[in-house]
Amino acid sequence: RRWHISLSGWFRDYLYIPLGGNRK
């Protein structure tokens, strides 16, 4: 959450969440 924040946020919003995130 503190390292390369812009890339971590990109993967979270455009890959992790579309894959289902932690909702399933």
PDB file of all heavy atoms in Angstrom:
ATOM      1  N   ARG A   1       0.832  -1.206   0.000  1.00  0.00           N
ATOM      2  CA  ARG A   1       0.000   0.000   0.000  1.00  0.00           C
ATOM      3  C   ARG A   1       0.865   1.254   0.000  1.00  0.00           C
ATOM      4  O   ARG A   1       0.350   2.361  -0.190  1.00  0.00           O
ATOM      5  CB  ARG A   1      -0.925   0.006   1.220  1.00  0.00           C
ATOM      6  CG  ARG A   1      -2.047  -1.029   1.164  1.00  0.00           C
ATOM      7  CD  ARG A   1      -3.163  -0.691   2.135  1.00  0.00           C
ATOM      8  NE  ARG A   1      -2.708  -0.706   3.516  1.00  0.00           N
ATOM      9  CZ  ARG A   1      -2.838  -1.740   4.343  1.00  0.00           C
ATOM     10  NH1 ARG A   1      -3.396  -2.858   3.894  1.00  0.00           N
ATOM     11  NH2 ARG A   1      -2.414  -1.673   5.582  1.00  0.00           N
ATOM     12  N   ARG A   2       2.179   1.082   0.208  1.00  0.00           N
ATOM     13  CA  ARG A   2       3.091   2.208   0.313  1.00  0.00           C
ATOM     14  C   ARG A   2       4.163   2.210  -0.777  1.00  0.00           C
ATOM     15  O   ARG A   2       4.873   3.187  -0.924  1.00  0.00           O
ATOM     16  CB  ARG A   2       3.784   2.190   1.696  1.00  0.00           C
ATOM     17  CG  ARG A   2       2.832   2.387   2.858  1.00  0.00           C
ATOM     18  CD  ARG A   2       3.505   2.269   4.206  1.00  0.00           C
ATOM     19  NE  ARG A   2       2.595   2.608   5.283  1.00  0.00           N
ATOM     20  CZ  ARG A   2       2.355   3.852   5.695  1.00  0.00           C
ATOM     21  NH1 ARG A   2       2.977   4.861   5.136  1.00  0.00           N
ATOM     22  NH2 ARG A   2       1.522   4.078   6.684  1.00  0.00           N
ATOM     23  N   TRP A   3       4.288   1.120  -1.512  1.00  0.00           N
ATOM     24  CA  TRP A   3       5.323   1.006  -2.545  1.00  0.00           C
ATOM     25  C   TRP A   3       4.675   1.074  -3.929  1.00  0.00           C
ATOM     26  O   TRP A   3       3.727   0.350  -4.216  1.00  0.00           O
ATOM     27  CB  TRP A   3       6.082  -0.317  -2.377  1.00  0.00           C
ATOM     28  CG  TRP A   3       7.122  -0.547  -3.444  1.00  0.00           C
ATOM     29  CD1 TRP A   3       6.919  -1.019  -4.706  1.00  0.00           C
ATOM     30  CD2 TRP A   3       8.522  -0.276  -3.350  1.00  0.00           C
ATOM     31  NE1 TRP A   3       8.106  -1.071  -5.400  1.00  0.00           N
ATOM     32  CE2 TRP A   3       9.110  -0.622  -4.588  1.00  0.00           C
ATOM     33  CE3 TRP A   3       9.336   0.209  -2.328  1.00  0.00           C
ATOM     34  CZ2 TRP A   3      10.470  -0.493  -4.841  1.00  0.00           C
ATOM     35  CZ3 TRP A   3      10.694   0.346  -2.572  1.00  0.00           C
ATOM     36  CH2 TRP A   3      11.248   0.000  -3.811  1.00  0.00           C
ATOM     37  N   HIS A   4       5.225   1.909  -4.797  1.00  0.00           N
ATOM     38  CA  HIS A   4       4.716   2.068  -6.165  1.00  0.00           C
ATOM     39  C   HIS A   4       3.194   2.123  -6.142  1.00  0.00           C
ATOM     40  O   HIS A   4       2.498   1.339  -6.797  1.00  0.00           O
ATOM     41  CB  HIS A   4       5.202   0.920  -7.055  1.00  0.00           C
ATOM     42  CG  HIS A   4       5.212   1.284  -8.506  1.00  0.00           C
ATOM     43  ND1 HIS A   4       5.728   0.477  -9.486  1.00  0.00           N
ATOM     44  CD2 HIS A   4       4.765   2.385  -9.159  1.00  0.00           C
ATOM     45  CE1 HIS A   4       5.622   1.045 -10.664  1.00  0.00           C
ATOM     46  NE2 HIS A   4       5.033   2.205 -10.488  1.00  0.00           N
ATOM     47  N   ILE A   5       2.693   3.095  -5.409  1.00  0.00           N
ATOM     48  CA  ILE A   5       1.263   3.194  -5.122  1.00  0.00           C
ATOM     49  C   ILE A   5       0.433   3.302  -6.392  1.00  0.00           C
ATOM     50  O   ILE A   5      -0.650   2.715  -6.498  1.00  0.00           O
ATOM     51  CB  ILE A   5       1.005   4.401  -4.203  1.00  0.00           C
ATOM     52  CG1 ILE A   5       1.727   4.190  -2.862  1.00  0.00           C
ATOM     53  CG2 ILE A   5      -0.481   4.612  -3.973  1.00  0.00           C
ATOM     54  CD1 ILE A   5       1.752   5.417  -1.976  1.00  0.00           C
ATOM     55  N   SER A   6       0.937   4.029  -7.377  1.00  0.00           N
ATOM     56  CA  SER A   6       0.158   4.223  -8.602  1.00  0.00           C
ATOM     57  C   SER A   6      -0.025   2.921  -9.365  1.00  0.00           C
ATOM     58  O   SER A   6      -1.085   2.670  -9.940  1.00  0.00           O
ATOM     59  CB  SER A   6       0.812   5.283  -9.496  1.00  0.00           C
ATOM     60  OG  SER A   6       2.115   4.884  -9.902  1.00  0.00           O
ATOM     61  N   LEU A   7       0.999   2.053  -9.395  1.00  0.00           N
ATOM     62  CA  LEU A   7       0.869   0.764 -10.081  1.00  0.00           C
ATOM     63  C   LEU A   7      -0.006  -0.185  -9.268  1.00  0.00           C
ATOM     64  O   LEU A   7      -0.864  -0.886  -9.829  1.00  0.00           O
ATOM     65  CB  LEU A   7       2.244   0.132 -10.314  1.00  0.00           C
ATOM     66  CG  LEU A   7       2.215  -1.231 -11.013  1.00  0.00           C
ATOM     67  CD1 LEU A   7       1.697  -1.094 -12.440  1.00  0.00           C
ATOM     68  CD2 LEU A   7       3.595  -1.884 -11.015  1.00  0.00           C
ATOM     69  N   SER A   8       0.195  -0.229  -7.948  1.00  0.00           N
ATOM     70  CA  SER A   8      -0.631  -1.096  -7.099  1.00  0.00           C
ATOM     71  C   SER A   8      -2.100  -0.719  -7.224  1.00  0.00           C
ATOM     72  O   SER A   8      -2.972  -1.588  -7.325  1.00  0.00           O
ATOM     73  CB  SER A   8      -0.186  -0.982  -5.642  1.00  0.00           C
ATOM     74  OG  SER A   8       1.157  -1.392  -5.479  1.00  0.00           O
ATOM     75  N   GLY A   9      -2.371   0.589  -7.244  1.00  0.00           N
ATOM     76  CA  GLY A   9      -3.750   1.049  -7.407  1.00  0.00           C
ATOM     77  C   GLY A   9      -4.310   0.708  -8.776  1.00  0.00           C
ATOM     78  O   GLY A   9      -5.492   0.379  -8.918  1.00  0.00           O
ATOM     79  N   TRP A  10      -3.452   0.774  -9.803  1.00  0.00           N
ATOM     80  CA  TRP A  10      -3.887   0.430 -11.163  1.00  0.00           C
ATOM     81  C   TRP A  10      -4.304  -1.028 -11.231  1.00  0.00           C
ATOM     82  O   TRP A  10      -5.379  -1.359 -11.743  1.00  0.00           O
ATOM     83  CB  TRP A  10      -2.756   0.705 -12.152  1.00  0.00           C
ATOM     84  CG  TRP A  10      -3.177   0.762 -13.586  1.00  0.00           C
ATOM     85  CD1 TRP A  10      -3.442   1.873 -14.325  1.00  0.00           C
ATOM     86  CD2 TRP A  10      -3.409  -0.370 -14.463  1.00  0.00           C
ATOM     87  NE1 TRP A  10      -3.818   1.522 -15.605  1.00  0.00           N
ATOM     88  CE2 TRP A  10      -3.804   0.152 -15.718  1.00  0.00           C
ATOM     89  CE3 TRP A  10      -3.321  -1.742 -14.309  1.00  0.00           C
ATOM     90  CZ2 TRP A  10      -4.107  -0.657 -16.808  1.00  0.00           C
ATOM     91  CZ3 TRP A  10      -3.631  -2.564 -15.392  1.00  0.00           C
ATOM     92  CH2 TRP A  10      -4.010  -2.024 -16.624  1.00  0.00           C
ATOM     93  N   PHE A  11      -3.460  -1.918 -10.727  1.00  0.00           N
ATOM     94  CA  PHE A  11      -3.794  -3.346 -10.744  1.00  0.00           C
ATOM     95  C   PHE A  11      -5.027  -3.639  -9.892  1.00  0.00           C
ATOM     96  O   PHE A  11      -5.833  -4.513 -10.238  1.00  0.00           O
ATOM     97  CB  PHE A  11      -2.606  -4.175 -10.253  1.00  0.00           C
ATOM     98  CG  PHE A  11      -1.624  -4.500 -11.345  1.00  0.00           C
ATOM     99  CD1 PHE A  11      -0.324  -4.020 -11.295  1.00  0.00           C
ATOM    100  CD2 PHE A  11      -1.996  -5.299 -12.411  1.00  0.00           C
ATOM    101  CE1 PHE A  11       0.581  -4.330 -12.303  1.00  0.00           C
ATOM    102  CE2 PHE A  11      -1.099  -5.607 -13.423  1.00  0.00           C
ATOM    103  CZ  PHE A  11       0.192  -5.126 -13.372  1.00  0.00           C
ATOM    104  N   ARG A  12      -5.174  -2.939  -8.785  1.00  0.00           N
ATOM    105  CA  ARG A  12      -6.355  -3.153  -7.933  1.00  0.00           C
ATOM    106  C   ARG A  12      -7.633  -2.789  -8.687  1.00  0.00           C
ATOM    107  O   ARG A  12      -8.591  -3.562  -8.713  1.00  0.00           O
ATOM    108  CB  ARG A  12      -6.239  -2.302  -6.670  1.00  0.00           C
ATOM    109  CG  ARG A  12      -7.426  -2.418  -5.713  1.00  0.00           C
ATOM    110  CD  ARG A  12      -7.415  -1.281  -4.710  1.00  0.00           C
ATOM    111  NE  ARG A  12      -7.584   0.008  -5.373  1.00  0.00           N
ATOM    112  CZ  ARG A  12      -6.872   1.099  -5.078  1.00  0.00           C
ATOM    113  NH1 ARG A  12      -5.943   1.081  -4.151  1.00  0.00           N
ATOM    114  NH2 ARG A  12      -7.097   2.237  -5.739  1.00  0.00           N
ATOM    115  N   ASP A  13      -7.654  -1.616  -9.312  1.00  0.00           N
ATOM    116  CA  ASP A  13      -8.880  -1.102  -9.919  1.00  0.00           C
ATOM    117  C   ASP A  13      -9.186  -1.728 -11.276  1.00  0.00           C
ATOM    118  O   ASP A  13     -10.358  -1.860 -11.653  1.00  0.00           O
ATOM    119  CB  ASP A  13      -8.787   0.417 -10.082  1.00  0.00           C
ATOM    120  CG  ASP A  13      -8.744   1.131  -8.740  1.00  0.00           C
ATOM    121  OD1 ASP A  13      -9.106   0.507  -7.727  1.00  0.00           O
ATOM    122  OD2 ASP A  13      -8.329   2.305  -8.698  1.00  0.00           O
ATOM    123  N   TYR A  14      -8.150  -2.098 -12.028  1.00  0.00           N
ATOM    124  CA  TYR A  14      -8.375  -2.559 -13.394  1.00  0.00           C
ATOM    125  C   TYR A  14      -8.138  -4.049 -13.604  1.00  0.00           C
ATOM    126  O   TYR A  14      -8.365  -4.558 -14.705  1.00  0.00           O
ATOM    127  CB  TYR A  14      -7.505  -1.755 -14.366  1.00  0.00           C
ATOM    128  CG  TYR A  14      -7.754  -0.270 -14.290  1.00  0.00           C
ATOM    129  CD1 TYR A  14      -6.737   0.626 -13.980  1.00  0.00           C
ATOM    130  CD2 TYR A  14      -9.030   0.252 -14.509  1.00  0.00           C
ATOM    131  CE1 TYR A  14      -6.964   1.989 -13.906  1.00  0.00           C
ATOM    132  CE2 TYR A  14      -9.276   1.609 -14.429  1.00  0.00           C
ATOM    133  CZ  TYR A  14      -8.237   2.473 -14.122  1.00  0.00           C
ATOM    134  OH  TYR A  14      -8.473   3.818 -14.045  1.00  0.00           O
ATOM    135  N   LEU A  15      -7.684  -4.769 -12.569  1.00  0.00           N
ATOM    136  CA  LEU A  15      -7.494  -6.213 -12.703  1.00  0.00           C
ATOM    137  C   LEU A  15      -8.087  -6.964 -11.504  1.00  0.00           C
ATOM    138  O   LEU A  15      -8.930  -7.850 -11.685  1.00  0.00           O
ATOM    139  CB  LEU A  15      -6.008  -6.552 -12.856  1.00  0.00           C
ATOM    140  CG  LEU A  15      -5.683  -8.037 -13.089  1.00  0.00           C
ATOM    141  CD1 LEU A  15      -6.399  -8.558 -14.331  1.00  0.00           C
ATOM    142  CD2 LEU A  15      -4.173  -8.239 -13.202  1.00  0.00           C
ATOM    143  N   TYR A  16      -7.672  -6.608 -10.294  1.00  0.00           N
ATOM    144  CA  TYR A  16      -8.107  -7.336  -9.102  1.00  0.00           C
ATOM    145  C   TYR A  16      -9.623  -7.259  -8.908  1.00  0.00           C
ATOM    146  O   TYR A  16     -10.300  -8.288  -8.756  1.00  0.00           O
ATOM    147  CB  TYR A  16      -7.384  -6.782  -7.874  1.00  0.00           C
ATOM    148  CG  TYR A  16      -7.775  -7.423  -6.562  1.00  0.00           C
ATOM    149  CD1 TYR A  16      -7.355  -8.709  -6.244  1.00  0.00           C
ATOM    150  CD2 TYR A  16      -8.565  -6.739  -5.640  1.00  0.00           C
ATOM    151  CE1 TYR A  16      -7.712  -9.305  -5.037  1.00  0.00           C
ATOM    152  CE2 TYR A  16      -8.926  -7.314  -4.435  1.00  0.00           C
ATOM    153  CZ  TYR A  16      -8.499  -8.596  -4.138  1.00  0.00           C
ATOM    154  OH  TYR A  16      -8.860  -9.177  -2.952  1.00  0.00           O
ATOM    155  N   ILE A  17     -10.176  -6.063  -8.939  1.00  0.00           N
ATOM    156  CA  ILE A  17     -11.623  -5.895  -8.735  1.00  0.00           C
ATOM    157  C   ILE A  17     -12.429  -6.517  -9.877  1.00  0.00           C
ATOM    158  O   ILE A  17     -13.417  -7.225  -9.629  1.00  0.00           O
ATOM    159  CB  ILE A  17     -11.974  -4.406  -8.521  1.00  0.00           C
ATOM    160  CG1 ILE A  17     -11.394  -3.926  -7.182  1.00  0.00           C
ATOM    161  CG2 ILE A  17     -13.488  -4.187  -8.550  1.00  0.00           C
ATOM    162  CD1 ILE A  17     -11.592  -2.458  -6.897  1.00  0.00           C
ATOM    163  N   PRO A  18     -12.054  -6.301 -11.156  1.00  0.00           N
ATOM    164  CA  PRO A  18     -12.791  -6.985 -12.233  1.00  0.00           C
ATOM    165  C   PRO A  18     -12.745  -8.511 -12.137  1.00  0.00           C
ATOM    166  O   PRO A  18     -13.687  -9.194 -12.568  1.00  0.00           O
ATOM    167  CB  PRO A  18     -12.088  -6.496 -13.505  1.00  0.00           C
ATOM    168  CG  PRO A  18     -11.555  -5.159 -13.143  1.00  0.00           C
ATOM    169  CD  PRO A  18     -11.128  -5.293 -11.709  1.00  0.00           C
ATOM    170  N   LEU A  19     -11.683  -9.069 -11.568  1.00  0.00           N
ATOM    171  CA  LEU A  19     -11.604 -10.517 -11.386  1.00  0.00           C
ATOM    172  C   LEU A  19     -12.516 -11.020 -10.272  1.00  0.00           C
ATOM    173  O   LEU A  19     -12.733 -12.211 -10.123  1.00  0.00           O
ATOM    174  CB  LEU A  19     -10.157 -10.935 -11.067  1.00  0.00           C
ATOM    175  CG  LEU A  19      -9.172 -10.948 -12.233  1.00  0.00           C
ATOM    176  CD1 LEU A  19      -7.762 -11.211 -11.729  1.00  0.00           C
ATOM    177  CD2 LEU A  19      -9.566 -11.989 -13.282  1.00  0.00           C
ATOM    178  N   GLY A  20     -13.058 -10.100  -9.510  1.00  0.00           N
ATOM    179  CA  GLY A  20     -13.943 -10.477  -8.401  1.00  0.00           C
ATOM    180  C   GLY A  20     -13.492  -9.942  -7.065  1.00  0.00           C
ATOM    181  O   GLY A  20     -14.235  -9.979  -6.091  1.00  0.00           O
ATOM    182  N   GLY A  21     -12.242  -9.454  -7.009  1.00  0.00           N
ATOM    183  CA  GLY A  21     -11.747  -8.877  -5.766  1.00  0.00           C
ATOM    184  C   GLY A  21     -11.864  -9.837  -4.600  1.00  0.00           C
ATOM    185  O   GLY A  21     -11.502 -11.007  -4.699  1.00  0.00           O
ATOM    186  N   ASN A  22     -12.388  -9.340  -3.503  1.00  0.00           N
ATOM    187  CA  ASN A  22     -12.571 -10.185  -2.301  1.00  0.00           C
ATOM    188  C   ASN A  22     -14.046 -10.441  -2.021  1.00  0.00           C
ATOM    189  O   ASN A  22     -14.436 -10.722  -0.893  1.00  0.00           O
ATOM    190  CB  ASN A  22     -11.913  -9.516  -1.097  1.00  0.00           C
ATOM    191  CG  ASN A  22     -12.463  -8.116  -0.843  1.00  0.00           C
ATOM    192  OD1 ASN A  22     -13.376  -7.654  -1.533  1.00  0.00           O
ATOM    193  ND2 ASN A  22     -11.912  -7.436   0.141  1.00  0.00           N
ATOM    194  N   ARG A  23     -14.866 -10.378  -3.089  1.00  0.00           N
ATOM    195  CA  ARG A  23     -16.321 -10.472  -2.890  1.00  0.00           C
ATOM    196  C   ARG A  23     -16.852 -11.909  -2.979  1.00  0.00           C
ATOM    197  O   ARG A  23     -18.019 -12.137  -2.706  1.00  0.00           O
ATOM    198  CB  ARG A  23     -17.048  -9.614  -3.943  1.00  0.00           C
ATOM    199  CG  ARG A  23     -16.660  -8.147  -3.942  1.00  0.00           C
ATOM    200  CD  ARG A  23     -17.535  -7.340  -4.891  1.00  0.00           C
ATOM    201  NE  ARG A  23     -17.476  -7.828  -6.259  1.00  0.00           N
ATOM    202  CZ  ARG A  23     -16.574  -7.456  -7.147  1.00  0.00           C
ATOM    203  NH1 ARG A  23     -15.629  -6.583  -6.800  1.00  0.00           N
ATOM    204  NH2 ARG A  23     -16.597  -7.924  -8.385  1.00  0.00           N
ATOM    205  N   LYS A  24     -15.999 -12.861  -3.366  1.00  0.00           N
ATOM    206  CA  LYS A  24     -16.494 -14.207  -3.634  1.00  0.00           C
ATOM    207  C   LYS A  24     -15.820 -15.276  -2.778  1.00  0.00           C
ATOM    208  O   LYS A  24     -15.585 -16.390  -3.217  1.00  0.00           O
ATOM    209  CB  LYS A  24     -16.323 -14.534  -5.115  1.00  0.00           C
ATOM    210  CG  LYS A  24     -17.083 -13.582  -6.042  1.00  0.00           C
ATOM    211  CD  LYS A  24     -16.886 -13.943  -7.507  1.00  0.00           C
ATOM    212  CE  LYS A  24     -17.651 -12.990  -8.410  1.00  0.00           C
ATOM    213  NZ  LYS A  24     -17.465 -13.340  -9.850  1.00  0.00           N
TER     214      LYS A  24
END
